């Protein structure tokens, strides 16, 4: 990699990051559109800075011409999950994709690093379409929980500050906090069912209300206004009760009313 051409060299990696972030977010949206819990909470990506590339190449004794072949993380995507259990779900989804090939997996969750670092890494082969044709490249996808990401962000900042010479007392504090993060993830897993049940209830209620309001709006255009206002008042009364069963029953009856008006308009 010629230094004067590093922008040109890194451009396909920027494209790969953009594409992968969009695709991972689309997976999240698909779950949410289907009314299901998404194992993906947030997605972000970055292309390694040239200074970081040079520093890593020097540390690993990699010639500049071999950087693209020997560095797997020039392009990086990070997927954040709420729960540890979600990580396996995300990894399984990625294994089934046809637009990437997983060439290596590193499980730092079940076998964390001595520093306390925990995350799941996948090295993938990915191809982007550039101005000059297909460009195959390597990228790294990290999958971790919110808690793991918080710890990792702090640890990375300290490593940068001390440049590999972190004082022992700071290392000890990091290890202690890493243990606390493990406990936090475990505790969150215990209440996972309750959290998901609450979230599913909220999603179901939101969709139900949205469908009812859409029907009321459509009826307002074609039905008797007084009748529609009466329906609206009945809905608001049920909504204030926060009784999901009554709301479901009301929604089904309203569907029948709406369908009857549509049938009348077709005749």
C-alpha atoms as a PDB file:
ATOM      1  CA  UNK A   1       0.000   0.000   0.000  1.00  0.00           C
ATOM      2  CA  UNK A   2       1.610   3.263  -1.153  1.00  0.00           C
ATOM      3  CA  UNK A   3       1.140   5.985   1.451  1.00  0.00           C
ATOM      4  CA  UNK A   4       0.282   8.654  -1.098  1.00  0.00           C
ATOM      5  CA  UNK A   5      -2.580   6.452  -2.350  1.00  0.00           C
ATOM      6  CA  UNK A   6      -3.992   5.400   1.013  1.00  0.00           C
ATOM      7  CA  UNK A   7      -7.305   7.209   0.467  1.00  0.00           C
ATOM      8  CA  UNK A   8      -7.844   5.295  -2.783  1.00  0.00           C
ATOM      9  CA  UNK A   9      -6.782   2.049  -1.114  1.00  0.00           C
ATOM     10  CA  UNK A  10      -9.176   2.456   1.802  1.00  0.00           C
ATOM     11  CA  UNK A  11     -12.191   3.608  -0.212  1.00  0.00           C
ATOM     12  CA  UNK A  12     -13.488   0.057  -0.969  1.00  0.00           C
ATOM     13  CA  UNK A  13     -13.285  -0.687   2.762  1.00  0.00           C
ATOM     14  CA  UNK A  14     -15.433   2.358   3.481  1.00  0.00           C
ATOM     15  CA  UNK A  15     -17.953   1.065   0.934  1.00  0.00           C
ATOM     16  CA  UNK A  16     -17.908  -2.385   2.576  1.00  0.00           C
ATOM     17  CA  UNK A  17     -18.575  -0.853   6.000  1.00  0.00           C
ATOM     18  CA  UNK A  18     -21.469   1.237   4.641  1.00  0.00           C
ATOM     19  CA  UNK A  19     -23.034  -1.785   2.945  1.00  0.00           C
ATOM     20  CA  UNK A  20     -22.644  -4.091   5.937  1.00  0.00           C
ATOM     21  CA  UNK A  21     -24.104  -1.540   8.355  1.00  0.00           C
ATOM     22  CA  UNK A  22     -27.132  -1.075   6.081  1.00  0.00           C
ATOM     23  CA  UNK A  23     -27.595  -4.843   5.756  1.00  0.00           C
ATOM     24  CA  UNK A  24     -27.335  -5.483   9.506  1.00  0.00           C
ATOM     25  CA  UNK A  25     -29.805  -2.691  10.224  1.00  0.00           C
ATOM     26  CA  UNK A  26     -32.136  -4.209   7.643  1.00  0.00           C
ATOM     27  CA  UNK A  27     -32.067  -7.491   9.588  1.00  0.00           C
ATOM     28  CA  UNK A  28     -33.096  -5.563  12.695  1.00  0.00           C
ATOM     29  CA  UNK A  29     -35.893  -3.835  10.774  1.00  0.00           C
ATOM     30  CA  UNK A  30     -37.159  -7.163   9.407  1.00  0.00           C
ATOM     31  CA  UNK A  31     -37.585  -8.534  12.929  1.00  0.00           C
ATOM     32  CA  UNK A  32     -39.365  -5.384  14.080  1.00  0.00           C
ATOM     33  CA  UNK A  33     -41.619  -5.259  11.001  1.00  0.00           C
ATOM     34  CA  UNK A  34     -42.660  -8.860  11.716  1.00  0.00           C
ATOM     35  CA  UNK A  35     -43.499  -7.843  15.285  1.00  0.00           C
ATOM     36  CA  UNK A  36     -40.667  -9.980  16.668  1.00  0.00           C
ATOM     37  CA  UNK A  37     -37.885  -9.230  19.101  1.00  0.00           C
ATOM     38  CA  UNK A  38     -34.662  -8.258  17.323  1.00  0.00           C
ATOM     39  CA  UNK A  39     -31.410  -9.714  18.677  1.00  0.00           C
ATOM     40  CA  UNK A  40     -29.668  -6.682  17.150  1.00  0.00           C
ATOM     41  CA  UNK A  41     -29.857  -3.510  19.221  1.00  0.00           C
ATOM     42  CA  UNK A  42     -27.499  -1.176  17.319  1.00  0.00           C
ATOM     43  CA  UNK A  43     -24.976  -1.411  14.467  1.00  0.00           C
ATOM     44  CA  UNK A  44     -21.944   0.768  13.788  1.00  0.00           C
ATOM     45  CA  UNK A  45     -18.878   0.562  11.586  1.00  0.00           C
ATOM     46  CA  UNK A  46     -15.539   2.168  10.888  1.00  0.00           C
ATOM     47  CA  UNK A  47     -12.516   1.995   8.610  1.00  0.00           C
ATOM     48  CA  UNK A  48      -9.222   1.810  10.479  1.00  0.00           C
ATOM     49  CA  UNK A  49      -7.329   5.103  10.407  1.00  0.00           C
ATOM     50  CA  UNK A  50      -4.100   5.086   8.415  1.00  0.00           C
ATOM     51  CA  UNK A  51      -2.164   5.922  11.621  1.00  0.00           C
ATOM     52  CA  UNK A  52      -3.661   2.861  13.338  1.00  0.00           C
ATOM     53  CA  UNK A  53      -2.874   0.701  10.298  1.00  0.00           C
ATOM     54  CA  UNK A  54       0.750   1.827  10.290  1.00  0.00           C
ATOM     55  CA  UNK A  55       1.048   1.305  14.047  1.00  0.00           C
ATOM     56  CA  UNK A  56      -0.383  -2.222  13.871  1.00  0.00           C
ATOM     57  CA  UNK A  57       1.714  -3.116  10.827  1.00  0.00           C
ATOM     58  CA  UNK A  58       4.844  -2.008  12.650  1.00  0.00           C
ATOM     59  CA  UNK A  59       3.876  -3.908  15.797  1.00  0.00           C
ATOM     60  CA  UNK A  60       3.284  -7.108  13.821  1.00  0.00           C
ATOM     61  CA  UNK A  61       6.237  -6.620  11.435  1.00  0.00           C
ATOM     62  CA  UNK A  62       3.977  -6.437   8.364  1.00  0.00           C
ATOM     63  CA  UNK A  63       5.279  -4.807   5.209  1.00  0.00           C
ATOM     64  CA  UNK A  64       3.064  -2.041   3.823  1.00  0.00           C
ATOM     65  CA  UNK A  65       2.513  -3.989   0.591  1.00  0.00           C
ATOM     66  CA  UNK A  66       1.120  -6.893   2.667  1.00  0.00           C
ATOM     67  CA  UNK A  67      -1.243  -4.838   4.849  1.00  0.00           C
ATOM     68  CA  UNK A  68      -4.408  -5.744   2.911  1.00  0.00           C
ATOM     69  CA  UNK A  69      -3.488  -9.437   2.956  1.00  0.00           C
ATOM     70  CA  UNK A  70      -2.479  -9.682   6.605  1.00  0.00           C
ATOM     71  CA  UNK A  71      -4.743  -7.236   8.438  1.00  0.00           C
ATOM     72  CA  UNK A  72      -8.283  -8.538   8.871  1.00  0.00           C
ATOM     73  CA  UNK A  73      -9.787  -5.520  10.596  1.00  0.00           C
ATOM     74  CA  UNK A  74      -9.219  -2.596   8.231  1.00  0.00           C
ATOM     75  CA  UNK A  75     -12.992  -2.631   7.812  1.00  0.00           C
ATOM     76  CA  UNK A  76     -14.868  -3.227  11.055  1.00  0.00           C
ATOM     77  CA  UNK A  77     -18.536  -3.559  11.949  1.00  0.00           C
ATOM     78  CA  UNK A  78     -19.853  -3.794  15.502  1.00  0.00           C
ATOM     79  CA  UNK A  79     -23.209  -5.336  16.366  1.00  0.00           C
ATOM     80  CA  UNK A  80     -24.519  -4.613  19.861  1.00  0.00           C
ATOM     81  CA  UNK A  81     -27.034  -6.923  21.544  1.00  0.00           C
ATOM     82  CA  UNK A  82     -29.001  -6.601  24.770  1.00  0.00           C
ATOM     83  CA  UNK A  83     -28.409 -10.105  26.066  1.00  0.00           C
ATOM     84  CA  UNK A  84     -25.632 -12.690  25.834  1.00  0.00           C
ATOM     85  CA  UNK A  85     -28.112 -15.163  24.331  1.00  0.00           C
ATOM     86  CA  UNK A  86     -28.704 -12.774  21.427  1.00  0.00           C
ATOM     87  CA  UNK A  87     -25.078 -13.066  20.331  1.00  0.00           C
ATOM     88  CA  UNK A  88     -25.448 -16.712  19.286  1.00  0.00           C
ATOM     89  CA  UNK A  89     -28.616 -15.797  17.390  1.00  0.00           C
ATOM     90  CA  UNK A  90     -26.825 -13.040  15.461  1.00  0.00           C
ATOM     91  CA  UNK A  91     -23.844 -15.286  14.692  1.00  0.00           C
ATOM     92  CA  UNK A  92     -26.191 -17.979  13.375  1.00  0.00           C
ATOM     93  CA  UNK A  93     -27.882 -15.429  11.106  1.00  0.00           C
ATOM     94  CA  UNK A  94     -24.508 -14.328   9.735  1.00  0.00           C
ATOM     95  CA  UNK A  95     -23.431 -17.925   9.093  1.00  0.00           C
ATOM     96  CA  UNK A  96     -26.422 -18.423   6.805  1.00  0.00           C
ATOM     97  CA  UNK A  97     -25.818 -15.371   4.630  1.00  0.00           C
ATOM     98  CA  UNK A  98     -24.731 -15.879   1.024  1.00  0.00           C
ATOM     99  CA  UNK A  99     -23.187 -12.428   0.547  1.00  0.00           C
ATOM    100  CA  UNK A 100     -20.233 -13.120   2.845  1.00  0.00           C
ATOM    101  CA  UNK A 101     -17.965 -16.015   3.742  1.00  0.00           C
ATOM    102  CA  UNK A 102     -16.885 -16.478   7.336  1.00  0.00           C
ATOM    103  CA  UNK A 103     -13.235 -17.497   7.325  1.00  0.00           C
ATOM    104  CA  UNK A 104     -12.601 -17.374  11.074  1.00  0.00           C
ATOM    105  CA  UNK A 105     -14.506 -17.125  14.343  1.00  0.00           C
ATOM    106  CA  UNK A 106     -13.032 -16.016  17.658  1.00  0.00           C
ATOM    107  CA  UNK A 107     -15.142 -16.608  20.758  1.00  0.00           C
ATOM    108  CA  UNK A 108     -13.829 -14.279  23.443  1.00  0.00           C
ATOM    109  CA  UNK A 109     -17.025 -14.707  25.462  1.00  0.00           C
ATOM    110  CA  UNK A 110     -16.700 -18.315  26.491  1.00  0.00           C
ATOM    111  CA  UNK A 111     -12.916 -17.904  26.513  1.00  0.00           C
ATOM    112  CA  UNK A 112     -12.231 -14.291  27.365  1.00  0.00           C
ATOM    113  CA  UNK A 113      -8.862 -12.618  27.053  1.00  0.00           C
ATOM    114  CA  UNK A 114      -6.581 -12.331  30.120  1.00  0.00           C
ATOM    115  CA  UNK A 115      -7.387  -8.599  30.232  1.00  0.00           C
ATOM    116  CA  UNK A 116     -11.070  -9.408  30.788  1.00  0.00           C
ATOM    117  CA  UNK A 117     -12.110  -8.521  27.232  1.00  0.00           C
ATOM    118  CA  UNK A 118     -15.233 -10.320  25.981  1.00  0.00           C
ATOM    119  CA  UNK A 119     -16.727 -10.235  22.492  1.00  0.00           C
ATOM    120  CA  UNK A 120     -17.444 -12.528  19.542  1.00  0.00           C
ATOM    121  CA  UNK A 121     -15.396 -11.841  16.413  1.00  0.00           C
ATOM    122  CA  UNK A 122     -16.001 -13.029  12.875  1.00  0.00           C
ATOM    123  CA  UNK A 123     -13.516 -12.492  10.050  1.00  0.00           C
ATOM    124  CA  UNK A 124     -15.316 -12.467   6.716  1.00  0.00           C
ATOM    125  CA  UNK A 125     -14.514 -12.339   3.029  1.00  0.00           C
ATOM    126  CA  UNK A 126     -16.726  -9.736   1.383  1.00  0.00           C
ATOM    127  CA  UNK A 127     -16.863  -8.301  -2.136  1.00  0.00           C
ATOM    128  CA  UNK A 128     -17.817  -4.759  -3.106  1.00  0.00           C
ATOM    129  CA  UNK A 129     -18.470  -3.422  -6.579  1.00  0.00           C
ATOM    130  CA  UNK A 130     -16.092  -0.550  -7.258  1.00  0.00           C
ATOM    131  CA  UNK A 131     -15.562   1.695 -10.272  1.00  0.00           C
ATOM    132  CA  UNK A 132     -12.921  -0.778 -11.461  1.00  0.00           C
ATOM    133  CA  UNK A 133     -15.017  -3.899 -10.889  1.00  0.00           C
ATOM    134  CA  UNK A 134     -15.405  -6.393  -8.001  1.00  0.00           C
ATOM    135  CA  UNK A 135     -13.059  -5.859  -5.073  1.00  0.00           C
ATOM    136  CA  UNK A 136     -12.772  -8.792  -2.614  1.00  0.00           C
ATOM    137  CA  UNK A 137     -11.606  -7.792   0.843  1.00  0.00           C
ATOM    138  CA  UNK A 138     -11.525  -8.884   4.477  1.00  0.00           C
ATOM    139  CA  UNK A 139     -13.622  -7.365   7.248  1.00  0.00           C
ATOM    140  CA  UNK A 140     -14.198  -8.019  10.921  1.00  0.00           C
ATOM    141  CA  UNK A 141     -17.595  -8.188  12.589  1.00  0.00           C
ATOM    142  CA  UNK A 142     -17.710  -7.893  16.388  1.00  0.00           C
ATOM    143  CA  UNK A 143     -20.812  -9.009  18.265  1.00  0.00           C
ATOM    144  CA  UNK A 144     -21.170  -8.104  21.945  1.00  0.00           C
ATOM    145  CA  UNK A 145     -23.624  -6.952  24.591  1.00  0.00           C
ATOM    146  CA  UNK A 146     -24.160  -3.376  25.705  1.00  0.00           C
ATOM    147  CA  UNK A 147     -22.284  -4.126  28.921  1.00  0.00           C
ATOM    148  CA  UNK A 148     -19.345  -5.732  27.099  1.00  0.00           C
ATOM    149  CA  UNK A 149     -19.166  -2.756  24.769  1.00  0.00           C
ATOM    150  CA  UNK A 150     -19.058  -0.280  27.655  1.00  0.00           C
ATOM    151  CA  UNK A 151     -16.147  -2.145  29.271  1.00  0.00           C
ATOM    152  CA  UNK A 152     -14.316  -2.519  25.948  1.00  0.00           C
ATOM    153  CA  UNK A 153     -14.645   1.203  25.163  1.00  0.00           C
ATOM    154  CA  UNK A 154     -13.118   2.126  28.523  1.00  0.00           C
ATOM    155  CA  UNK A 155     -10.341  -0.459  28.169  1.00  0.00           C
ATOM    156  CA  UNK A 156      -9.503   0.721  24.650  1.00  0.00           C
ATOM    157  CA  UNK A 157      -9.211   4.331  25.828  1.00  0.00           C
ATOM    158  CA  UNK A 158      -6.859   3.298  28.640  1.00  0.00           C
ATOM    159  CA  UNK A 159      -4.740   1.188  26.284  1.00  0.00           C
ATOM    160  CA  UNK A 160      -4.426   4.191  23.975  1.00  0.00           C
ATOM    161  CA  UNK A 161      -3.500   6.459  26.877  1.00  0.00           C
ATOM    162  CA  UNK A 162      -0.809   4.171  28.287  1.00  0.00           C
ATOM    163  CA  UNK A 163       0.329   2.831  24.875  1.00  0.00           C
ATOM    164  CA  UNK A 164       0.686  -0.763  26.051  1.00  0.00           C
ATOM    165  CA  UNK A 165       2.298   0.112  29.399  1.00  0.00           C
ATOM    166  CA  UNK A 166      -0.770   0.125  31.592  1.00  0.00           C
ATOM    167  CA  UNK A 167      -0.002   0.327  35.349  1.00  0.00           C
ATOM    168  CA  UNK A 168      -0.767  -2.816  37.368  1.00  0.00           C
ATOM    169  CA  UNK A 169      -3.325  -1.093  39.599  1.00  0.00           C
ATOM    170  CA  UNK A 170      -5.276   0.003  36.500  1.00  0.00           C
ATOM    171  CA  UNK A 171      -5.157  -3.538  35.081  1.00  0.00           C
ATOM    172  CA  UNK A 172      -6.510  -4.859  38.391  1.00  0.00           C
ATOM    173  CA  UNK A 173      -9.377  -2.354  38.323  1.00  0.00           C
ATOM    174  CA  UNK A 174     -10.220  -3.383  34.770  1.00  0.00           C
ATOM    175  CA  UNK A 175     -10.255  -7.076  35.717  1.00  0.00           C
ATOM    176  CA  UNK A 176     -12.513  -6.338  38.677  1.00  0.00           C
ATOM    177  CA  UNK A 177     -14.897  -4.352  36.501  1.00  0.00           C
ATOM    178  CA  UNK A 178     -14.796  -7.129  33.862  1.00  0.00           C
ATOM    179  CA  UNK A 179     -16.039  -9.571  36.505  1.00  0.00           C
ATOM    180  CA  UNK A 180     -18.817  -7.126  37.361  1.00  0.00           C
ATOM    181  CA  UNK A 181     -19.798  -6.982  33.679  1.00  0.00           C
ATOM    182  CA  UNK A 182     -20.038 -10.789  33.594  1.00  0.00           C
ATOM    183  CA  UNK A 183     -22.347 -10.712  36.615  1.00  0.00           C
ATOM    184  CA  UNK A 184     -24.439  -7.955  35.034  1.00  0.00           C
ATOM    185  CA  UNK A 185     -24.896  -9.943  31.796  1.00  0.00           C
ATOM    186  CA  UNK A 186     -25.835 -13.023  33.824  1.00  0.00           C
ATOM    187  CA  UNK A 187     -28.388 -11.065  35.875  1.00  0.00           C
ATOM    188  CA  UNK A 188     -29.900  -9.591  32.715  1.00  0.00           C
ATOM    189  CA  UNK A 189     -30.226 -13.105  31.283  1.00  0.00           C
ATOM    190  CA  UNK A 190     -32.218 -14.154  34.348  1.00  0.00           C
ATOM    191  CA  UNK A 191     -34.821 -11.428  33.767  1.00  0.00           C
ATOM    192  CA  UNK A 192     -34.669 -11.734  29.971  1.00  0.00           C
ATOM    193  CA  UNK A 193     -38.046 -13.505  29.701  1.00  0.00           C
ATOM    194  CA  UNK A 194     -39.790 -10.804  31.726  1.00  0.00           C
ATOM    195  CA  UNK A 195     -38.142  -8.035  29.699  1.00  0.00           C
ATOM    196  CA  UNK A 196     -39.044  -9.674  26.383  1.00  0.00           C
ATOM    197  CA  UNK A 197     -42.626 -10.285  27.536  1.00  0.00           C
ATOM    198  CA  UNK A 198     -42.969  -6.600  28.416  1.00  0.00           C
ATOM    199  CA  UNK A 199     -41.471  -5.548  25.103  1.00  0.00           C
ATOM    200  CA  UNK A 200     -43.671  -7.933  23.105  1.00  0.00           C
ATOM    201  CA  UNK A 201     -46.727  -6.588  24.938  1.00  0.00           C
ATOM    202  CA  UNK A 202     -45.743  -3.034  24.029  1.00  0.00           C
ATOM    203  CA  UNK A 203     -45.100  -3.931  20.360  1.00  0.00           C
ATOM    204  CA  UNK A 204     -48.420  -5.816  20.123  1.00  0.00           C
ATOM    205  CA  UNK A 205     -50.330  -2.950  21.714  1.00  0.00           C
ATOM    206  CA  UNK A 206     -48.667  -0.386  19.443  1.00  0.00           C
ATOM    207  CA  UNK A 207     -49.557  -2.345  16.304  1.00  0.00           C
ATOM    208  CA  UNK A 208     -53.103  -2.924  17.529  1.00  0.00           C
ATOM    209  CA  UNK A 209     -53.664   0.781  18.227  1.00  0.00           C
ATOM    210  CA  UNK A 210     -52.126   1.702  14.879  1.00  0.00           C
ATOM    211  CA  UNK A 211     -54.492  -0.661  12.997  1.00  0.00           C
ATOM    212  CA  UNK A 212     -57.537   0.632  14.880  1.00  0.00           C
ATOM    213  CA  UNK A 213     -56.675   4.279  14.205  1.00  0.00           C
ATOM    214  CA  UNK A 214     -56.071   3.497  10.520  1.00  0.00           C
ATOM    215  CA  UNK A 215     -59.525   1.911  10.285  1.00  0.00           C
ATOM    216  CA  UNK A 216     -61.141   4.880  12.048  1.00  0.00           C
ATOM    217  CA  UNK A 217     -59.414   7.301   9.688  1.00  0.00           C
ATOM    218  CA  UNK A 218     -60.573   5.336   6.638  1.00  0.00           C
ATOM    219  CA  UNK A 219     -64.136   5.122   7.968  1.00  0.00           C
ATOM    220  CA  UNK A 220     -64.186   8.869   8.544  1.00  0.00           C
ATOM    221  CA  UNK A 221     -63.825   9.326   4.779  1.00  0.00           C
ATOM    222  CA  UNK A 222     -66.670   7.010   3.753  1.00  0.00           C
ATOM    223  CA  UNK A 223     -69.009   6.411   6.722  1.00  0.00           C
ATOM    224  CA  UNK A 224     -71.487   8.481   8.689  1.00  0.00           C
ATOM    225  CA  UNK A 225     -69.525  11.008  10.746  1.00  0.00           C
ATOM    226  CA  UNK A 226     -71.632  10.555  13.886  1.00  0.00           C
ATOM    227  CA  UNK A 227     -71.143   6.810  13.732  1.00  0.00           C
ATOM    228  CA  UNK A 228     -67.381   7.250  13.363  1.00  0.00           C
ATOM    229  CA  UNK A 229     -67.231   9.674  16.305  1.00  0.00           C
ATOM    230  CA  UNK A 230     -69.127   7.118  18.408  1.00  0.00           C
ATOM    231  CA  UNK A 231     -66.590   4.426  17.417  1.00  0.00           C
ATOM    232  CA  UNK A 232     -63.764   6.787  18.283  1.00  0.00           C
ATOM    233  CA  UNK A 233     -65.213   7.528  21.750  1.00  0.00           C
ATOM    234  CA  UNK A 234     -65.611   3.809  22.418  1.00  0.00           C
ATOM    235  CA  UNK A 235     -62.002   3.198  21.422  1.00  0.00           C
ATOM    236  CA  UNK A 236     -60.709   5.973  23.697  1.00  0.00           C
ATOM    237  CA  UNK A 237     -62.681   4.515  26.599  1.00  0.00           C
ATOM    238  CA  UNK A 238     -61.150   1.062  26.063  1.00  0.00           C
ATOM    239  CA  UNK A 239     -57.705   2.585  25.532  1.00  0.00           C
ATOM    240  CA  UNK A 240     -57.880   4.374  28.907  1.00  0.00           C
ATOM    241  CA  UNK A 241     -58.717   1.066  30.610  1.00  0.00           C
ATOM    242  CA  UNK A 242     -55.494  -0.394  29.131  1.00  0.00           C
ATOM    243  CA  UNK A 243     -57.303  -3.723  28.695  1.00  0.00           C
ATOM    244  CA  UNK A 244     -55.530  -5.512  25.834  1.00  0.00           C
ATOM    245  CA  UNK A 245     -58.220  -8.220  25.525  1.00  0.00           C
ATOM    246  CA  UNK A 246     -60.986  -5.641  25.111  1.00  0.00           C
ATOM    247  CA  UNK A 247     -58.841  -3.754  22.621  1.00  0.00           C
ATOM    248  CA  UNK A 248     -58.247  -6.928  20.576  1.00  0.00           C
ATOM    249  CA  UNK A 249     -61.996  -7.653  20.535  1.00  0.00           C
ATOM    250  CA  UNK A 250     -62.764  -4.057  19.569  1.00  0.00           C
ATOM    251  CA  UNK A 251     -60.159  -4.217  16.781  1.00  0.00           C
ATOM    252  CA  UNK A 252     -61.685  -7.385  15.307  1.00  0.00           C
ATOM    253  CA  UNK A 253     -65.191  -5.898  15.329  1.00  0.00           C
ATOM    254  CA  UNK A 254     -63.894  -2.702  13.739  1.00  0.00           C
ATOM    255  CA  UNK A 255     -62.214  -4.769  10.993  1.00  0.00           C
ATOM    256  CA  UNK A 256     -65.613  -6.282  10.160  1.00  0.00           C
ATOM    257  CA  UNK A 257     -67.251  -2.832  10.040  1.00  0.00           C
ATOM    258  CA  UNK A 258     -64.466  -1.456   7.858  1.00  0.00           C
ATOM    259  CA  UNK A 259     -64.694  -4.437   5.492  1.00  0.00           C
ATOM    260  CA  UNK A 260     -68.452  -4.018   5.145  1.00  0.00           C
ATOM    261  CA  UNK A 261     -68.016  -0.402   4.054  1.00  0.00           C
ATOM    262  CA  UNK A 262     -65.323  -1.404   1.563  1.00  0.00           C
ATOM    263  CA  UNK A 263     -67.678  -4.067   0.147  1.00  0.00           C
ATOM    264  CA  UNK A 264     -70.458  -1.460  -0.192  1.00  0.00           C
ATOM    265  CA  UNK A 265     -68.150   0.834  -2.147  1.00  0.00           C
ATOM    266  CA  UNK A 266     -67.199  -1.978  -4.541  1.00  0.00           C
ATOM    267  CA  UNK A 267     -70.859  -2.851  -5.308  1.00  0.00           C
END
